[in-house]
């Protein structure tokens, strides 16, 4: 995979337009057996599975816990399946800024393994832009699709499982409480001696990204360096990188002297697949809990390292969205 120094990102709020969308039936789902267990495929380091849409497929869909809502479809697949447009959403960098409008469609059914979801609402956009350097993707499964189930992403075993049930109560070790202020899981993690809120984003192909405001006062191992530029529908921003001389902690899991990236456009930290690749994650949305199990639960290295890496992710949070990033140094990246 070639590397580029240019970084393209779409970040912003998403507003639903009134009209047909509000009158659409709500999504329903059923499992023929519990658990449903299917192979985890990958788009780069991003987890993905094969799904059927309206009985056709299989199609490759990424799983994005940083993406609010039920699903997203590549525009080519929406055209191929001749899907009905049921509404529109607007996305921009911030309220009052320039926006883009995207169509929404309704999927009569979306299925994989023994799981079937009906009346699924999906935003439509082009996820296979030329020059991205990433494998073709047909769509994305948002965090909201799995609201009624335990969702397990077992990276080491390369399996995806959904089932009924509940996680144990949080112990701040292997089971951590999370909030969902905008439809995606946000936990608290320790950075050096402080606490920051972080989105657990399986759409992110990076490791650890912090808001610029949290970096002031941290013990860095060198001067921050610019490693890329981001572009939103409203303008550009800069991504910087520096090694942290200290420890980051997520539950019982520690990351010593990690390389961190930061930008002033981000409001929350982001933890992505360069970290998750070491874990089995289970999300319990009903009880707002997440379980992280690793082969080395007490101390973990930052798997981003200092090699040239290219990332692509989406953090989509109803009022905020990170679509895609290409970068030549360890950072966040995005596919949306």
Protein backbone atom coordinates (compact mmCIF):
# COMPACT_ATOMS: atom_id res chain seq x y z
CA UNK A 1 0.00 0.00 0.00
CA UNK A 2 1.51 3.31 -1.05
CA UNK A 3 1.70 6.22 1.38
CA UNK A 4 0.66 9.80 0.82
CA UNK A 5 1.42 12.99 2.67
CA UNK A 6 -1.97 14.47 1.90
CA UNK A 7 -4.76 13.94 4.38
CA UNK A 8 -8.41 14.15 3.39
CA UNK A 9 -11.03 14.30 6.09
CA UNK A 10 -14.65 15.30 6.24
CA UNK A 11 -15.65 16.31 9.74
CA UNK A 12 -18.91 17.80 10.78
CA UNK A 13 -22.40 17.69 12.10
CA UNK A 14 -25.20 15.70 10.50
CA UNK A 15 -28.77 16.97 10.42
CA UNK A 16 -31.69 14.92 9.14
CA UNK A 17 -34.06 16.67 6.75
CA UNK A 18 -37.77 16.40 7.46
CA UNK A 19 -40.03 14.48 5.10
CA UNK A 20 -40.45 10.86 4.17
CA UNK A 21 -37.67 9.68 6.48
CA UNK A 22 -39.62 10.56 9.60
CA UNK A 23 -42.53 8.35 8.41
CA UNK A 24 -40.41 5.27 7.71
CA UNK A 25 -41.01 2.18 9.90
CA UNK A 26 -38.54 1.52 12.67
CA UNK A 27 -35.81 -1.08 12.32
CA UNK A 28 -36.51 -4.54 13.71
CA UNK A 29 -34.18 -7.50 14.08
CA UNK A 30 -34.11 -11.20 14.91
CA UNK A 31 -31.53 -13.93 15.49
CA UNK A 32 -32.25 -17.46 14.25
CA UNK A 33 -29.86 -18.67 16.94
CA UNK A 34 -27.77 -16.95 19.60
CA UNK A 35 -24.92 -16.33 19.24
CA UNK A 36 -24.47 -15.51 15.57
CA UNK A 37 -20.78 -15.99 14.81
CA UNK A 38 -19.17 -15.07 11.47
CA UNK A 39 -15.60 -14.58 10.16
CA UNK A 40 -14.02 -11.17 10.65
CA UNK A 41 -12.67 -9.88 7.35
CA UNK A 42 -10.61 -6.72 7.04
CA UNK A 43 -10.37 -3.52 5.03
CA UNK A 44 -6.84 -2.66 6.06
CA UNK A 45 -7.00 -3.00 9.87
CA UNK A 46 -10.72 -2.14 9.89
CA UNK A 47 -13.05 -5.07 10.77
CA UNK A 48 -15.60 -6.08 8.15
CA UNK A 49 -18.06 -8.86 7.38
CA UNK A 50 -20.03 -10.11 4.39
CA UNK A 51 -23.71 -9.17 4.42
CA UNK A 52 -26.74 -9.58 2.18
CA UNK A 53 -28.90 -6.59 1.27
CA UNK A 54 -32.48 -7.25 0.20
CA UNK A 55 -31.50 -10.85 -0.46
CA UNK A 56 -28.61 -9.95 -2.77
CA UNK A 57 -24.89 -10.30 -2.10
CA UNK A 58 -22.69 -11.01 -0.34
CA UNK A 59 -21.33 -7.48 0.01
CA UNK A 60 -18.41 -6.33 2.15
CA UNK A 61 -19.46 -3.98 4.99
CA UNK A 62 -17.08 -2.50 7.57
CA UNK A 63 -18.10 -2.37 11.24
CA UNK A 64 -17.75 1.15 12.65
CA UNK A 65 -18.45 1.69 16.35
CA UNK A 66 -17.50 5.33 15.80
CA UNK A 67 -20.35 5.65 13.28
CA UNK A 68 -23.72 6.59 14.75
CA UNK A 69 -26.90 5.27 13.19
CA UNK A 70 -27.68 1.97 11.53
CA UNK A 71 -25.79 1.78 8.25
CA UNK A 72 -24.17 3.56 5.31
CA UNK A 73 -24.09 2.48 1.69
CA UNK A 74 -21.65 3.12 -1.10
CA UNK A 75 -23.39 5.06 -3.87
CA UNK A 76 -22.57 2.39 -6.48
CA UNK A 77 -24.37 -0.29 -4.44
CA UNK A 78 -27.38 1.94 -3.84
CA UNK A 79 -27.65 2.48 -7.60
CA UNK A 80 -27.17 -1.22 -8.37
CA UNK A 81 -29.98 -2.23 -6.00
CA UNK A 82 -32.24 0.63 -7.17
CA UNK A 83 -32.99 1.66 -3.59
CA UNK A 84 -35.71 4.12 -2.70
CA UNK A 85 -34.59 7.50 -1.33
CA UNK A 86 -36.43 8.25 1.93
CA UNK A 87 -34.75 11.47 3.08
CA UNK A 88 -31.58 13.53 3.26
CA UNK A 89 -28.94 14.45 5.81
CA UNK A 90 -26.66 17.48 5.85
CA UNK A 91 -23.06 17.26 7.01
CA UNK A 92 -20.66 20.08 7.82
CA UNK A 93 -17.62 20.89 9.94
CA UNK A 94 -19.68 22.76 12.53
CA UNK A 95 -23.10 24.40 12.89
CA UNK A 96 -23.28 27.41 10.58
CA UNK A 97 -20.48 26.17 8.31
CA UNK A 98 -20.71 24.99 4.72
CA UNK A 99 -22.60 21.69 4.44
CA UNK A 100 -23.06 18.83 2.02
CA UNK A 101 -26.31 16.93 1.54
CA UNK A 102 -26.44 13.14 1.32
CA UNK A 103 -29.38 10.92 0.42
CA UNK A 104 -30.78 8.29 2.76
CA UNK A 105 -32.30 5.01 1.61
CA UNK A 106 -34.22 2.22 3.31
CA UNK A 107 -33.05 -1.40 3.18
CA UNK A 108 -35.90 -3.91 3.42
CA UNK A 109 -33.47 -6.40 4.90
CA UNK A 110 -29.82 -6.65 5.88
CA UNK A 111 -28.59 -10.07 6.98
CA UNK A 112 -25.51 -12.08 7.88
CA UNK A 113 -25.13 -15.48 9.52
CA UNK A 114 -28.41 -16.07 11.33
CA UNK A 115 -29.09 -12.38 11.99
CA UNK A 116 -31.60 -10.33 10.02
CA UNK A 117 -32.36 -6.62 10.33
CA UNK A 118 -35.41 -5.12 8.60
CA UNK A 119 -36.25 -1.52 7.66
CA UNK A 120 -32.66 -0.32 7.99
CA UNK A 121 -31.98 3.35 7.23
CA UNK A 122 -28.68 4.03 5.47
CA UNK A 123 -26.90 7.20 4.34
CA UNK A 124 -25.49 7.04 0.80
CA UNK A 125 -22.11 8.37 -0.30
CA UNK A 126 -19.04 7.46 -2.32
CA UNK A 127 -16.75 5.30 -0.17
CA UNK A 128 -14.45 4.22 -2.99
CA UNK A 129 -12.87 7.43 -4.17
CA UNK A 130 -9.93 6.98 -6.57
CA UNK A 131 -6.54 7.15 -4.92
CA UNK A 132 -7.63 6.06 -1.44
CA UNK A 133 -5.36 3.00 -1.64
CA UNK A 134 -7.91 0.95 0.30
CA UNK A 135 -9.81 -2.15 -0.80
CA UNK A 136 -13.32 -1.63 -2.17
CA UNK A 137 -16.08 -1.43 0.42
CA UNK A 138 -19.83 -1.72 -0.21
CA UNK A 139 -21.03 -0.12 2.99
CA UNK A 140 -20.68 0.36 6.73
CA UNK A 141 -22.56 -1.07 9.71
CA UNK A 142 -23.06 1.66 12.30
CA UNK A 143 -23.02 1.22 16.06
CA UNK A 144 -26.78 1.73 16.27
CA UNK A 145 -27.45 -1.43 14.26
CA UNK A 146 -26.36 -3.54 17.25
CA UNK A 147 -28.31 -1.67 19.94
CA UNK A 148 -30.24 -4.76 21.11
CA UNK A 149 -27.30 -7.16 21.25
CA UNK A 150 -23.88 -7.82 22.63
CA UNK A 151 -21.42 -7.13 19.83
CA UNK A 152 -18.08 -8.93 20.10
CA UNK A 153 -15.15 -8.08 17.85
CA UNK A 154 -12.46 -10.70 18.46
CA UNK A 155 -9.46 -9.38 16.55
CA UNK A 156 -6.94 -12.13 17.47
CA UNK A 157 -9.42 -14.92 16.55
CA UNK A 158 -10.79 -12.95 13.57
CA UNK A 159 -14.44 -13.51 14.56
CA UNK A 160 -17.51 -11.27 14.91
CA UNK A 161 -20.33 -12.37 17.21
CA UNK A 162 -23.70 -10.92 18.21
CA UNK A 163 -25.94 -12.39 20.87
CA UNK A 164 -28.47 -11.62 23.56
CA UNK A 165 -27.17 -11.03 27.04
CA UNK A 166 -25.43 -8.54 29.30
CA UNK A 167 -21.90 -7.83 30.47
CA UNK A 168 -20.95 -7.86 34.18
CA UNK A 169 -21.04 -4.59 36.07
CA UNK A 170 -18.10 -2.26 35.35
CA UNK A 171 -14.99 -2.86 37.45
CA UNK A 172 -12.78 -0.27 35.68
CA UNK A 173 -10.45 -3.12 34.80
CA UNK A 174 -11.74 -5.44 32.04
CA UNK A 175 -15.27 -3.99 31.98
CA UNK A 176 -15.57 -0.22 31.53
CA UNK A 177 -18.63 2.00 31.55
CA UNK A 178 -19.23 4.21 28.52
CA UNK A 179 -21.52 7.06 27.60
CA UNK A 180 -23.35 7.55 24.30
CA UNK A 181 -23.91 11.31 24.10
CA UNK A 182 -24.11 11.24 20.30
CA UNK A 183 -24.74 7.61 19.47
CA UNK A 184 -21.18 6.26 19.80
CA UNK A 185 -19.27 4.81 22.80
CA UNK A 186 -17.23 7.34 24.78
CA UNK A 187 -15.09 6.17 27.71
CA UNK A 188 -12.72 7.87 30.12
CA UNK A 189 -9.03 7.01 29.83
CA UNK A 190 -5.94 8.22 31.66
CA UNK A 191 -3.29 10.18 29.78
CA UNK A 192 -0.27 10.76 31.98
CA UNK A 193 -1.91 12.18 35.13
CA UNK A 194 -5.11 13.46 33.56
CA UNK A 195 -8.37 11.98 32.32
CA UNK A 196 -9.77 12.43 28.81
CA UNK A 197 -12.92 11.28 27.07
CA UNK A 198 -12.23 8.96 24.14
CA UNK A 199 -14.39 7.50 21.37
CA UNK A 200 -13.85 3.76 20.86
CA UNK A 201 -13.81 3.84 17.07
CA UNK A 202 -13.41 0.61 15.09
CA UNK A 203 -13.74 2.75 11.97
CA UNK A 204 -10.41 4.37 12.80
CA UNK A 205 -7.39 2.73 11.24
CA UNK A 206 -5.09 4.71 13.51
CA UNK A 207 -4.06 4.26 17.12
CA UNK A 208 -4.46 7.21 19.52
CA UNK A 209 -5.48 10.72 18.56
CA UNK A 210 -5.98 13.52 21.08
CA UNK A 211 -7.57 16.96 20.91
CA UNK A 212 -4.99 19.73 20.75
CA UNK A 213 -6.29 21.16 24.03
CA UNK A 214 -5.32 18.01 25.97
CA UNK A 215 -1.70 18.03 24.78
CA UNK A 216 -0.65 21.19 26.64
CA UNK A 217 1.35 20.20 29.71
CA UNK A 218 1.91 16.58 28.66
CA UNK A 219 5.51 15.28 28.92
CA UNK A 220 6.40 14.89 25.25
CA UNK A 221 9.56 13.20 24.04
CA UNK A 222 10.17 15.77 21.35
CA UNK A 223 8.77 18.77 19.55
CA UNK A 224 5.45 18.10 17.79
CA UNK A 225 5.85 17.60 14.05
CA UNK A 226 3.29 18.22 11.35
CA UNK A 227 2.54 14.87 9.67
CA UNK A 228 -0.44 15.75 7.52
CA UNK A 229 -3.22 18.13 6.59
CA UNK A 230 -6.92 17.45 6.89
CA UNK A 231 -9.69 18.86 4.78
CA UNK A 232 -13.32 19.30 5.77
CA UNK A 233 -16.17 20.71 3.73
CA UNK A 234 -15.41 23.98 5.51
CA UNK A 235 -11.62 24.18 5.30
CA UNK A 236 -8.31 22.56 6.24
CA UNK A 237 -6.59 21.70 9.51
CA UNK A 238 -3.20 20.32 10.59
CA UNK A 239 -2.40 16.98 12.27
CA UNK A 240 0.67 16.89 14.51
CA UNK A 241 2.54 14.00 16.11
CA UNK A 242 4.87 13.50 19.08
CA UNK A 243 5.94 10.68 21.41
CA UNK A 244 4.48 10.78 24.92
CA UNK A 245 6.94 10.17 27.73
CA UNK A 246 4.49 8.52 30.05
CA UNK A 247 1.61 6.09 30.20
CA UNK A 248 -1.90 5.96 28.80
CA UNK A 249 -4.37 3.70 30.58
CA UNK A 250 -7.66 2.20 29.36
CA UNK A 251 -9.18 0.10 32.12
CA UNK A 252 -6.38 -2.21 33.29
CA UNK A 253 -4.53 -1.87 29.99
CA UNK A 254 -1.48 0.37 29.84
CA UNK A 255 0.31 1.85 26.84
CA UNK A 256 3.84 2.99 27.64
CA UNK A 257 5.48 5.89 25.74
CA UNK A 258 2.93 5.85 22.91
CA UNK A 259 3.19 7.95 19.78
CA UNK A 260 0.20 10.31 19.80
CA UNK A 261 -1.38 12.48 17.13
CA UNK A 262 -3.43 15.59 17.78
CA UNK A 263 -5.40 18.31 16.02
CA UNK A 264 -7.34 21.34 17.19
CA UNK A 265 -10.50 20.29 15.33
CA UNK A 266 -11.12 17.24 17.53
CA UNK A 267 -13.24 17.54 20.68
CA UNK A 268 -12.68 13.99 21.99
CA UNK A 269 -9.78 11.58 21.87
CA UNK A 270 -10.08 8.66 19.46
CA UNK A 271 -8.85 5.11 20.05
CA UNK A 272 -8.67 3.02 16.88
CA UNK A 273 -7.76 -0.29 15.29
CA UNK A 274 -3.99 -0.04 15.79
CA UNK A 275 -4.85 -0.52 19.46
CA UNK A 276 -7.91 -2.79 19.12
CA UNK A 277 -5.98 -5.38 17.10
CA UNK A 278 -4.67 -6.71 20.42
CA UNK A 279 -8.11 -7.20 21.99
CA UNK A 280 -11.41 -9.00 22.07
CA UNK A 281 -13.97 -6.21 22.53
CA UNK A 282 -17.57 -6.76 23.59
CA UNK A 283 -20.03 -3.85 23.55
CA UNK A 284 -23.22 -3.88 25.64
CA UNK A 285 -25.21 -0.85 24.51
CA UNK A 286 -28.25 -1.54 26.70
CA UNK A 287 -26.12 -1.23 29.85
CA UNK A 288 -23.45 1.11 28.44
CA UNK A 289 -20.56 -1.29 29.11
CA UNK A 290 -17.57 -2.51 27.12
CA UNK A 291 -15.25 -5.39 27.90
CA UNK A 292 -11.64 -5.45 26.69
CA UNK A 293 -9.69 -8.69 26.97
CA UNK A 294 -6.09 -9.01 25.87
CA UNK A 295 -3.43 -11.72 26.07
CA UNK A 296 -1.32 -9.20 28.00
CA UNK A 297 -3.93 -7.35 30.07
CA UNK A 298 -1.64 -5.29 32.31
CA UNK A 299 0.82 -3.64 29.96
CA UNK A 300 0.54 -3.17 26.20
CA UNK A 301 2.79 -1.53 23.68
CA UNK A 302 1.46 1.10 21.33
CA UNK A 303 1.23 -0.98 18.16
CA UNK A 304 1.38 2.12 15.97
CA UNK A 305 5.16 2.20 16.36
CA UNK A 306 7.06 4.73 14.26
CA UNK A 307 6.73 3.06 10.90
CA UNK A 308 5.10 4.76 7.95
CA UNK A 309 1.44 3.78 8.17
CA UNK A 310 -1.65 4.84 6.28
CA UNK A 311 -5.01 5.01 7.96
CA UNK A 312 -8.66 5.54 7.07
CA UNK A 313 -11.60 5.86 9.47
CA UNK A 314 -14.91 7.42 10.16
CA UNK A 315 -16.10 8.91 13.39
CA UNK A 316 -19.74 9.73 12.75
CA UNK A 317 -21.52 11.17 15.74
CA UNK A 318 -24.83 12.64 14.54
CA UNK A 319 -23.53 16.11 15.29
CA UNK A 320 -20.01 15.32 14.15
CA UNK A 321 -18.42 13.16 11.51
CA UNK A 322 -14.87 12.16 10.56
CA UNK A 323 -14.91 10.63 7.15
CA UNK A 324 -11.54 9.83 5.75
CA UNK A 325 -7.87 10.41 6.33
CA UNK A 326 -4.75 9.51 4.42
CA UNK A 327 -1.46 10.17 6.13
CA UNK A 328 2.17 9.08 5.89
CA UNK A 329 2.91 8.86 9.61
CA UNK A 330 1.10 7.04 12.43
CA UNK A 331 -2.15 8.94 12.94
CA UNK A 332 -5.86 8.52 12.54
CA UNK A 333 -7.24 7.73 9.14
CA UNK A 334 -10.66 7.26 7.90
CA UNK A 335 -12.99 5.71 5.42
CA UNK A 336 -16.22 7.05 6.62
